[in-house]
Every structure is written in C-alpha cells, then in structure tokens.
Amino acid sequence: MSGFQIALVPLDERPVCAGLPGMVAAVAGAGVTTPPAELMPRFRTPGDPAGLDRWLQEQAMSAHAVVVALETLGHGGLVPSRLGAETSRTISARWEMLCDIAVPVHASTVVMRTPDADDATEEPEYYESCGRALHRLSAVLHEQADGTANDQSVIAA
C-alpha cells in the first residue's frame, strides 16, 4: 500500500483528531493530508466550510480516498455543530460536493451527547443553567421509549 494517500477532513483541530490518524496511516504505509489550520475550527469558533470544500476538492484529485467528518464539512467542527443555527438545507448543501468526488469517500458523524452538567463550555449557552435537567429528561424519554419507565423516573425529571 505504499504511496496510498488519504485526504482527511478531521472532526476538529485537536491532535487526536487531526494528527493521530496520520500516525496510524503511516503504520500501514499510507499518507494523510489534512486542511491548513486557518480552515479548521478553534474550539467554539467554526472552521471555514467553504474553504474546506475547496481544499477537499483540490486534494481529492490526487488522493486515493477521502475521509470526512461531516460535522466539520457541514458546520465547521464538532463544537460548532452543537452551537450553530444553520438550517438542515444549508448543511446538506455543504455535503453535496461529496457526491462529485471520484475516489471512495468515507464519512463519519458523531451521535450528539447530553452531558450531565450545568456547563456550557462545549454546549449551547443554555446548558449553563439546565444541562443536568436536560440530561435527566433525556434519560426519562429513553426509558419511556424503551418501556422501562416508571412513575418515579418521570417524577424525578
């Protein structure tokens, strides 16, 4: 597999997302190219979806495969995907370019979490005052859907 090249749009700028995949690929003899830092998110500040689109189209011409975190291409990163107010039409339009890439495209997404904390560091601002309550409500709704809810779990929420 020597010379196999992957164009990677990582989930965010953290080394585990942006750097580790390249180290793992190198073990198999593959190379990974990631977008320049100025296109990537910086914690709560979104990256540049339009710039990432252009970068990916350019890289895909010489890559053997593309790996894309949909949160980054659509919203500008993981944390921005939790905070943004874009419509689903806007986000899906940003993903449409993936259909035109001639090499295999592997896309990933993260299942949204509901943290058990009144903390808005990585969440929308309203988590500061109601994060724990949302977590409890989520658990109750899950129990009700699962058929395991009882009167006490509804009262506790």
N, C-alpha and C. Protein backbone atom coordinates (compact mmCIF):
# COMPACT_ATOMS: atom_id res chain seq x y z
N MET A 1 0.81 -1.20 0.00
CA MET A 1 0.00 0.00 0.00
C MET A 1 0.85 1.25 0.00
N SER A 2 2.10 1.14 -0.24
CA SER A 2 3.00 2.28 -0.23
C SER A 2 2.50 3.33 -1.21
N GLY A 3 2.49 4.60 -0.76
CA GLY A 3 2.06 5.68 -1.61
C GLY A 3 0.57 5.96 -1.56
N PHE A 4 -0.18 5.16 -0.84
CA PHE A 4 -1.62 5.38 -0.72
C PHE A 4 -1.85 6.69 0.03
N GLN A 5 -2.62 7.59 -0.56
CA GLN A 5 -2.84 8.91 0.03
C GLN A 5 -4.31 9.11 0.41
N ILE A 6 -4.50 9.63 1.62
CA ILE A 6 -5.84 9.90 2.13
C ILE A 6 -5.96 11.40 2.39
N ALA A 7 -7.03 12.01 1.90
CA ALA A 7 -7.35 13.39 2.24
C ALA A 7 -8.34 13.33 3.40
N LEU A 8 -7.97 13.92 4.53
CA LEU A 8 -8.77 13.83 5.76
C LEU A 8 -9.27 15.20 6.17
N VAL A 9 -10.58 15.31 6.33
CA VAL A 9 -11.18 16.47 6.99
C VAL A 9 -11.54 15.98 8.39
N PRO A 10 -10.70 16.31 9.39
CA PRO A 10 -10.91 15.78 10.73
C PRO A 10 -12.07 16.45 11.47
N LEU A 11 -12.45 15.83 12.55
CA LEU A 11 -13.56 16.31 13.37
C LEU A 11 -13.30 17.71 13.93
N ASP A 12 -12.08 17.95 14.34
CA ASP A 12 -11.69 19.27 14.81
C ASP A 12 -10.18 19.38 14.84
N GLU A 13 -9.68 20.40 15.49
CA GLU A 13 -8.25 20.69 15.46
C GLU A 13 -7.42 19.95 16.50
N ARG A 14 -8.05 19.22 17.40
CA ARG A 14 -7.30 18.51 18.44
C ARG A 14 -6.36 17.48 17.82
N PRO A 15 -5.18 17.29 18.43
CA PRO A 15 -4.21 16.34 17.88
C PRO A 15 -4.76 14.93 17.69
N VAL A 16 -5.63 14.49 18.57
CA VAL A 16 -6.18 13.14 18.43
C VAL A 16 -7.04 13.02 17.17
N CYS A 17 -7.61 14.12 16.72
CA CYS A 17 -8.43 14.10 15.50
C CYS A 17 -7.63 14.47 14.26
N ALA A 18 -6.74 15.45 14.40
CA ALA A 18 -6.02 15.95 13.23
C ALA A 18 -4.66 15.29 13.02
N GLY A 19 -4.03 14.81 14.09
CA GLY A 19 -2.69 14.25 13.97
C GLY A 19 -2.61 12.74 14.06
N LEU A 20 -3.33 12.16 15.00
CA LEU A 20 -3.26 10.71 15.22
C LEU A 20 -3.62 9.89 13.99
N PRO A 21 -4.65 10.27 13.22
CA PRO A 21 -4.95 9.46 12.02
C PRO A 21 -3.76 9.32 11.07
N GLY A 22 -2.97 10.36 10.94
CA GLY A 22 -1.79 10.29 10.08
C GLY A 22 -0.75 9.32 10.62
N MET A 23 -0.60 9.27 11.94
CA MET A 23 0.34 8.34 12.55
C MET A 23 -0.11 6.89 12.35
N VAL A 24 -1.40 6.67 12.50
CA VAL A 24 -1.95 5.32 12.30
C VAL A 24 -1.80 4.92 10.83
N ALA A 25 -2.11 5.82 9.92
CA ALA A 25 -1.99 5.52 8.49
C ALA A 25 -0.54 5.21 8.11
N ALA A 26 0.40 5.91 8.73
CA ALA A 26 1.82 5.70 8.43
C ALA A 26 2.26 4.28 8.76
N VAL A 27 1.64 3.68 9.79
CA VAL A 27 1.95 2.30 10.15
C VAL A 27 1.65 1.37 8.97
N ALA A 28 0.61 1.71 8.22
CA ALA A 28 0.21 0.90 7.07
C ALA A 28 0.87 1.38 5.78
N GLY A 29 1.74 2.37 5.88
CA GLY A 29 2.42 2.87 4.70
C GLY A 29 1.63 3.90 3.91
N ALA A 30 0.58 4.43 4.50
CA ALA A 30 -0.24 5.42 3.81
C ALA A 30 0.09 6.82 4.32
N GLY A 31 -0.24 7.81 3.54
CA GLY A 31 -0.05 9.21 3.93
C GLY A 31 -1.40 9.88 4.12
N VAL A 32 -1.46 10.83 5.02
CA VAL A 32 -2.68 11.57 5.28
C VAL A 32 -2.39 13.06 5.13
N THR A 33 -3.24 13.73 4.39
CA THR A 33 -3.16 15.18 4.24
C THR A 33 -4.37 15.78 4.93
N THR A 34 -4.14 16.81 5.75
CA THR A 34 -5.23 17.50 6.46
C THR A 34 -5.25 18.97 6.03
N PRO A 35 -6.38 19.62 6.23
CA PRO A 35 -6.50 21.02 5.82
C PRO A 35 -5.56 21.93 6.62
N PRO A 36 -5.22 23.07 6.05
CA PRO A 36 -4.41 24.04 6.79
C PRO A 36 -5.17 24.56 8.01
N ALA A 37 -4.43 24.93 9.03
CA ALA A 37 -5.01 25.36 10.32
C ALA A 37 -6.03 26.48 10.15
N GLU A 38 -5.81 27.38 9.21
CA GLU A 38 -6.74 28.51 9.07
C GLU A 38 -8.13 28.10 8.59
N LEU A 39 -8.27 26.89 8.05
CA LEU A 39 -9.59 26.40 7.64
C LEU A 39 -10.29 25.62 8.74
N MET A 40 -9.54 25.23 9.74
CA MET A 40 -10.07 24.36 10.80
C MET A 40 -10.68 25.17 11.95
N PRO A 41 -11.55 24.53 12.74
CA PRO A 41 -12.14 25.23 13.88
C PRO A 41 -11.11 25.50 14.97
N ARG A 42 -11.45 26.40 15.83
CA ARG A 42 -10.68 26.67 17.04
C ARG A 42 -11.68 26.67 18.20
N PHE A 43 -11.89 25.49 18.77
CA PHE A 43 -12.82 25.25 19.86
C PHE A 43 -14.23 25.70 19.48
N ARG A 44 -14.75 26.79 20.02
CA ARG A 44 -16.11 27.22 19.73
C ARG A 44 -16.22 28.00 18.42
N THR A 45 -15.09 28.41 17.86
CA THR A 45 -15.09 29.17 16.62
C THR A 45 -15.07 28.20 15.44
N PRO A 46 -16.08 28.27 14.58
CA PRO A 46 -16.14 27.33 13.46
C PRO A 46 -15.01 27.52 12.46
N GLY A 47 -14.67 26.43 11.81
CA GLY A 47 -13.76 26.49 10.68
C GLY A 47 -14.48 27.11 9.49
N ASP A 48 -13.89 26.99 8.34
CA ASP A 48 -14.41 27.60 7.11
C ASP A 48 -14.96 26.52 6.19
N PRO A 49 -16.27 26.22 6.28
CA PRO A 49 -16.82 25.16 5.42
C PRO A 49 -16.57 25.37 3.93
N ALA A 50 -16.68 26.60 3.45
CA ALA A 50 -16.45 26.85 2.03
C ALA A 50 -14.98 26.60 1.68
N GLY A 51 -14.08 27.03 2.55
CA GLY A 51 -12.66 26.79 2.33
C GLY A 51 -12.33 25.31 2.40
N LEU A 52 -12.97 24.59 3.32
CA LEU A 52 -12.75 23.14 3.43
C LEU A 52 -13.26 22.44 2.18
N ASP A 53 -14.37 22.90 1.65
CA ASP A 53 -14.92 22.35 0.41
C ASP A 53 -13.89 22.49 -0.71
N ARG A 54 -13.36 23.69 -0.89
CA ARG A 54 -12.37 23.92 -1.96
C ARG A 54 -11.12 23.07 -1.73
N TRP A 55 -10.65 23.05 -0.47
CA TRP A 55 -9.45 22.27 -0.15
C TRP A 55 -9.67 20.80 -0.48
N LEU A 56 -10.83 20.26 -0.07
CA LEU A 56 -11.11 18.84 -0.27
C LEU A 56 -11.22 18.51 -1.76
N GLN A 57 -11.87 19.35 -2.52
CA GLN A 57 -11.98 19.10 -3.96
C GLN A 57 -10.59 19.07 -4.60
N GLU A 58 -9.74 19.97 -4.18
CA GLU A 58 -8.38 20.01 -4.72
C GLU A 58 -7.58 18.76 -4.32
N GLN A 59 -7.65 18.38 -3.05
CA GLN A 59 -6.90 17.22 -2.55
C GLN A 59 -7.41 15.91 -3.13
N ALA A 60 -8.71 15.84 -3.36
CA ALA A 60 -9.31 14.59 -3.87
C ALA A 60 -8.77 14.22 -5.24
N MET A 61 -8.26 15.19 -5.97
CA MET A 61 -7.73 14.89 -7.31
C MET A 61 -6.47 14.03 -7.25
N SER A 62 -5.73 14.10 -6.16
CA SER A 62 -4.50 13.29 -6.06
C SER A 62 -4.58 12.24 -4.95
N ALA A 63 -5.69 12.18 -4.24
CA ALA A 63 -5.85 11.20 -3.16
C ALA A 63 -6.42 9.90 -3.70
N HIS A 64 -6.20 8.83 -2.96
CA HIS A 64 -6.80 7.53 -3.28
C HIS A 64 -8.12 7.33 -2.55
N ALA A 65 -8.32 8.09 -1.47
CA ALA A 65 -9.56 8.02 -0.70
C ALA A 65 -9.70 9.32 0.09
N VAL A 66 -10.92 9.58 0.50
CA VAL A 66 -11.25 10.76 1.29
C VAL A 66 -11.96 10.29 2.55
N VAL A 67 -11.58 10.87 3.69
CA VAL A 67 -12.26 10.61 4.96
C VAL A 67 -12.72 11.96 5.48
N VAL A 68 -14.00 12.07 5.78
CA VAL A 68 -14.59 13.35 6.13
C VAL A 68 -15.43 13.25 7.39
N ALA A 69 -15.16 14.14 8.35
CA ALA A 69 -16.05 14.31 9.50
C ALA A 69 -17.15 15.27 9.03
N LEU A 70 -18.37 14.79 8.97
CA LEU A 70 -19.47 15.60 8.45
C LEU A 70 -19.71 16.85 9.28
N GLU A 71 -19.43 16.80 10.57
CA GLU A 71 -19.59 17.99 11.43
C GLU A 71 -18.68 19.12 10.95
N THR A 72 -17.47 18.78 10.54
CA THR A 72 -16.52 19.80 10.13
C THR A 72 -16.89 20.37 8.76
N LEU A 73 -17.20 19.51 7.82
CA LEU A 73 -17.55 19.98 6.49
C LEU A 73 -18.87 20.75 6.52
N GLY A 74 -19.80 20.32 7.34
CA GLY A 74 -21.12 20.97 7.38
C GLY A 74 -21.22 22.17 8.29
N HIS A 75 -20.62 22.07 9.47
CA HIS A 75 -20.78 23.11 10.50
C HIS A 75 -19.50 23.85 10.82
N GLY A 76 -18.36 23.32 10.40
CA GLY A 76 -17.10 23.93 10.75
C GLY A 76 -16.43 23.30 11.95
N GLY A 77 -16.92 22.16 12.44
CA GLY A 77 -16.28 21.46 13.56
C GLY A 77 -17.27 20.81 14.50
N LEU A 78 -16.75 20.03 15.44
CA LEU A 78 -17.61 19.32 16.39
C LEU A 78 -18.36 20.27 17.31
N VAL A 79 -17.64 21.11 18.04
CA VAL A 79 -18.32 22.02 18.96
C VAL A 79 -19.22 22.98 18.18
N PRO A 80 -18.78 23.57 17.06
CA PRO A 80 -19.70 24.42 16.31
C PRO A 80 -20.96 23.68 15.84
N SER A 81 -20.87 22.37 15.64
CA SER A 81 -22.07 21.62 15.23
C SER A 81 -23.11 21.60 16.34
N ARG A 82 -22.69 21.77 17.57
CA ARG A 82 -23.61 21.81 18.71
C ARG A 82 -24.18 23.20 18.93
N LEU A 83 -23.52 24.20 18.38
CA LEU A 83 -23.87 25.58 18.68
C LEU A 83 -24.54 26.31 17.52
N GLY A 84 -24.35 25.84 16.30
CA GLY A 84 -24.80 26.57 15.13
C GLY A 84 -26.31 26.62 14.97
N ALA A 85 -26.73 27.57 14.16
CA ALA A 85 -28.16 27.75 13.90
C ALA A 85 -28.48 27.56 12.41
N GLU A 86 -27.56 26.94 11.67
CA GLU A 86 -27.80 26.73 10.25
C GLU A 86 -28.95 25.76 10.04
N THR A 87 -29.61 25.91 8.93
CA THR A 87 -30.70 25.00 8.59
C THR A 87 -30.15 23.68 8.07
N SER A 88 -30.96 22.67 8.11
CA SER A 88 -30.54 21.38 7.57
C SER A 88 -30.30 21.49 6.07
N ARG A 89 -31.01 22.35 5.40
CA ARG A 89 -30.80 22.57 3.96
C ARG A 89 -29.41 23.14 3.70
N THR A 90 -28.98 24.09 4.53
CA THR A 90 -27.65 24.68 4.39
C THR A 90 -26.57 23.63 4.60
N ILE A 91 -26.73 22.83 5.65
CA ILE A 91 -25.72 21.82 5.97
C ILE A 91 -25.67 20.75 4.88
N SER A 92 -26.81 20.25 4.46
CA SER A 92 -26.81 19.20 3.44
C SER A 92 -26.26 19.73 2.12
N ALA A 93 -26.46 21.00 1.82
CA ALA A 93 -25.88 21.58 0.60
C ALA A 93 -24.36 21.57 0.67
N ARG A 94 -23.81 21.77 1.86
CA ARG A 94 -22.35 21.73 2.02
C ARG A 94 -21.81 20.32 1.82
N TRP A 95 -22.62 19.32 2.08
CA TRP A 95 -22.19 17.94 1.92
C TRP A 95 -22.32 17.44 0.49
N GLU A 96 -23.12 18.11 -0.31
CA GLU A 96 -23.39 17.63 -1.68
C GLU A 96 -22.14 17.45 -2.51
N MET A 97 -21.11 18.25 -2.25
CA MET A 97 -19.88 18.15 -3.03
C MET A 97 -19.26 16.78 -2.92
N LEU A 98 -19.56 16.05 -1.86
CA LEU A 98 -19.01 14.72 -1.68
C LEU A 98 -19.46 13.77 -2.80
N CYS A 99 -20.61 14.04 -3.38
CA CYS A 99 -21.13 13.20 -4.46
C CYS A 99 -20.29 13.31 -5.73
N ASP A 100 -19.53 14.39 -5.86
CA ASP A 100 -18.76 14.62 -7.08
C ASP A 100 -17.31 14.16 -6.97
N ILE A 101 -16.92 13.63 -5.84
CA ILE A 101 -15.54 13.17 -5.66
C ILE A 101 -15.39 11.79 -6.30
N ALA A 102 -14.36 11.64 -7.10
CA ALA A 102 -14.18 10.43 -7.91
C ALA A 102 -13.58 9.25 -7.15
N VAL A 103 -12.97 9.50 -5.99
CA VAL A 103 -12.38 8.41 -5.21
C VAL A 103 -13.34 8.02 -4.08
N PRO A 104 -13.12 6.86 -3.45
CA PRO A 104 -14.01 6.48 -2.35
C PRO A 104 -14.04 7.55 -1.25
N VAL A 105 -15.25 7.82 -0.78
CA VAL A 105 -15.47 8.79 0.30
C VAL A 105 -15.99 8.04 1.52
N HIS A 106 -15.33 8.23 2.63
CA HIS A 106 -15.75 7.63 3.90
C HIS A 106 -16.12 8.77 4.83
N ALA A 107 -17.39 8.87 5.17
CA ALA A 107 -17.87 9.97 6.00
C ALA A 107 -18.27 9.44 7.37
N SER A 108 -18.04 10.28 8.38
CA SER A 108 -18.41 9.88 9.74
C SER A 108 -19.18 11.01 10.41
N THR A 109 -19.93 10.64 11.42
CA THR A 109 -20.64 11.63 12.22
C THR A 109 -20.67 11.16 13.66
N VAL A 110 -20.88 12.08 14.56
CA VAL A 110 -20.90 11.80 15.99
C VAL A 110 -22.34 11.86 16.48
N VAL A 111 -22.73 10.94 17.32
CA VAL A 111 -24.05 10.98 17.94
C VAL A 111 -24.01 12.02 19.04
N MET A 112 -24.94 12.96 19.00
CA MET A 112 -24.98 14.05 19.97
C MET A 112 -25.13 13.50 21.38
N ARG A 113 -24.40 14.07 22.29
CA ARG A 113 -24.49 13.66 23.69
C ARG A 113 -25.36 14.65 24.47
N THR A 114 -25.78 14.23 25.64
CA THR A 114 -26.48 15.09 26.57
C THR A 114 -25.73 15.02 27.89
N PRO A 115 -24.76 15.91 28.10
CA PRO A 115 -23.92 15.82 29.30
C PRO A 115 -24.70 16.08 30.58
N ASP A 116 -24.27 15.45 31.63
CA ASP A 116 -24.90 15.58 32.95
C ASP A 116 -24.16 16.67 33.74
N ALA A 117 -24.23 17.90 33.24
CA ALA A 117 -23.54 19.01 33.89
C ALA A 117 -24.17 20.32 33.48
N ASP A 118 -24.20 21.25 34.40
CA ASP A 118 -24.61 22.62 34.10
C ASP A 118 -23.36 23.36 33.64
N ASP A 119 -22.96 23.09 32.42
CA ASP A 119 -21.70 23.60 31.89
C ASP A 119 -21.85 23.83 30.38
N ALA A 120 -21.60 25.06 29.96
CA ALA A 120 -21.75 25.42 28.54
C ALA A 120 -20.42 25.52 27.82
N THR A 121 -19.37 24.93 28.37
CA THR A 121 -18.05 25.04 27.73
C THR A 121 -18.08 24.53 26.30
N GLU A 122 -18.66 23.36 26.08
CA GLU A 122 -18.72 22.76 24.74
C GLU A 122 -20.16 22.62 24.25
N GLU A 123 -21.09 23.25 24.94
CA GLU A 123 -22.50 23.11 24.62
C GLU A 123 -23.10 24.49 24.43
N PRO A 124 -24.36 24.55 23.95
CA PRO A 124 -25.04 25.84 23.85
C PRO A 124 -25.12 26.52 25.22
N GLU A 125 -25.24 27.83 25.23
CA GLU A 125 -25.22 28.62 26.47
C GLU A 125 -26.27 28.15 27.49
N TYR A 126 -27.44 27.68 27.02
CA TYR A 126 -28.48 27.29 27.96
C TYR A 126 -28.08 26.11 28.83
N TYR A 127 -27.04 25.37 28.46
CA TYR A 127 -26.57 24.26 29.30
C TYR A 127 -26.05 24.76 30.63
N GLU A 128 -25.62 26.01 30.70
CA GLU A 128 -25.11 26.58 31.95
C GLU A 128 -26.16 26.50 33.05
N SER A 129 -27.43 26.66 32.70
CA SER A 129 -28.47 26.66 33.73
C SER A 129 -29.34 25.41 33.73
N CYS A 130 -29.32 24.63 32.65
CA CYS A 130 -30.25 23.49 32.64
C CYS A 130 -29.65 22.21 32.07
N GLY A 131 -28.33 22.09 32.02
CA GLY A 131 -27.70 20.89 31.48
C GLY A 131 -28.11 19.62 32.20
N ARG A 132 -28.07 19.64 33.53
CA ARG A 132 -28.44 18.44 34.31
C ARG A 132 -29.91 18.07 34.10
N ALA A 133 -30.77 19.07 34.05
CA ALA A 133 -32.19 18.81 33.85
C ALA A 133 -32.43 18.20 32.47
N LEU A 134 -31.73 18.69 31.46
CA LEU A 134 -31.86 18.10 30.12
C LEU A 134 -31.37 16.66 30.10
N HIS A 135 -30.29 16.39 30.83
CA HIS A 135 -29.77 15.03 30.92
C HIS A 135 -30.81 14.11 31.56
N ARG A 136 -31.42 14.55 32.63
CA ARG A 136 -32.45 13.73 33.30
C ARG A 136 -33.64 13.51 32.37
N LEU A 137 -34.07 14.58 31.70
CA LEU A 137 -35.20 14.46 30.78
C LEU A 137 -34.87 13.47 29.67
N SER A 138 -33.67 13.53 29.14
CA SER A 138 -33.25 12.61 28.10
C SER A 138 -33.33 11.16 28.59
N ALA A 139 -32.89 10.92 29.82
CA ALA A 139 -32.94 9.56 30.38
C ALA A 139 -34.38 9.09 30.52
N VAL A 140 -35.26 9.97 30.98
CA VAL A 140 -36.67 9.60 31.14
C VAL A 140 -37.29 9.29 29.78
N LEU A 141 -37.02 10.12 28.80
CA LEU A 141 -37.57 9.87 27.46
C LEU A 141 -37.06 8.55 26.90
N HIS A 142 -35.80 8.25 27.16
CA HIS A 142 -35.24 6.97 26.71
C HIS A 142 -35.95 5.82 27.41
N GLU A 143 -36.15 5.94 28.71
CA GLU A 143 -36.83 4.87 29.46
C GLU A 143 -38.26 4.69 28.96
N GLN A 144 -38.94 5.79 28.68
CA GLN A 144 -40.31 5.69 28.18
C GLN A 144 -40.34 5.01 26.81
N ALA A 145 -39.42 5.36 25.95
CA ALA A 145 -39.37 4.75 24.62
C ALA A 145 -39.01 3.27 24.71
N ASP A 146 -38.20 2.95 25.73
CA ASP A 146 -37.74 1.58 25.94
C ASP A 146 -38.77 0.75 26.69
N GLY A 147 -39.79 1.41 27.25
CA GLY A 147 -40.81 0.71 28.03
C GLY A 147 -40.39 0.38 29.45
N THR A 148 -39.27 0.97 29.92
CA THR A 148 -38.80 0.67 31.27
C THR A 148 -39.09 1.79 32.25
N ALA A 149 -39.79 2.85 31.80
CA ALA A 149 -40.07 3.98 32.68
C ALA A 149 -41.06 3.58 33.76
N ASN A 150 -40.89 4.18 34.91
CA ASN A 150 -41.87 4.02 35.98
C ASN A 150 -42.25 5.42 36.49
N ASP A 151 -43.25 5.49 37.30
CA ASP A 151 -43.71 6.80 37.78
C ASP A 151 -42.61 7.58 38.48
N GLN A 152 -41.71 6.90 39.18
CA GLN A 152 -40.64 7.59 39.91
C GLN A 152 -39.66 8.28 38.96
N SER A 153 -39.37 7.64 37.83
CA SER A 153 -38.41 8.25 36.92
C SER A 153 -39.00 9.52 36.27
N VAL A 154 -40.31 9.53 36.03
CA VAL A 154 -40.95 10.70 35.46
C VAL A 154 -40.98 11.82 36.50
N ILE A 155 -41.27 11.48 37.74
CA ILE A 155 -41.31 12.48 38.82
C ILE A 155 -39.91 13.07 39.04
N ALA A 156 -38.88 12.26 38.96
CA ALA A 156 -37.52 12.74 39.21
C ALA A 156 -37.07 13.74 38.17
N ALA A 157 -37.63 13.65 36.98
CA ALA A 157 -37.22 14.57 35.92
C ALA A 157 -37.89 15.89 36.10
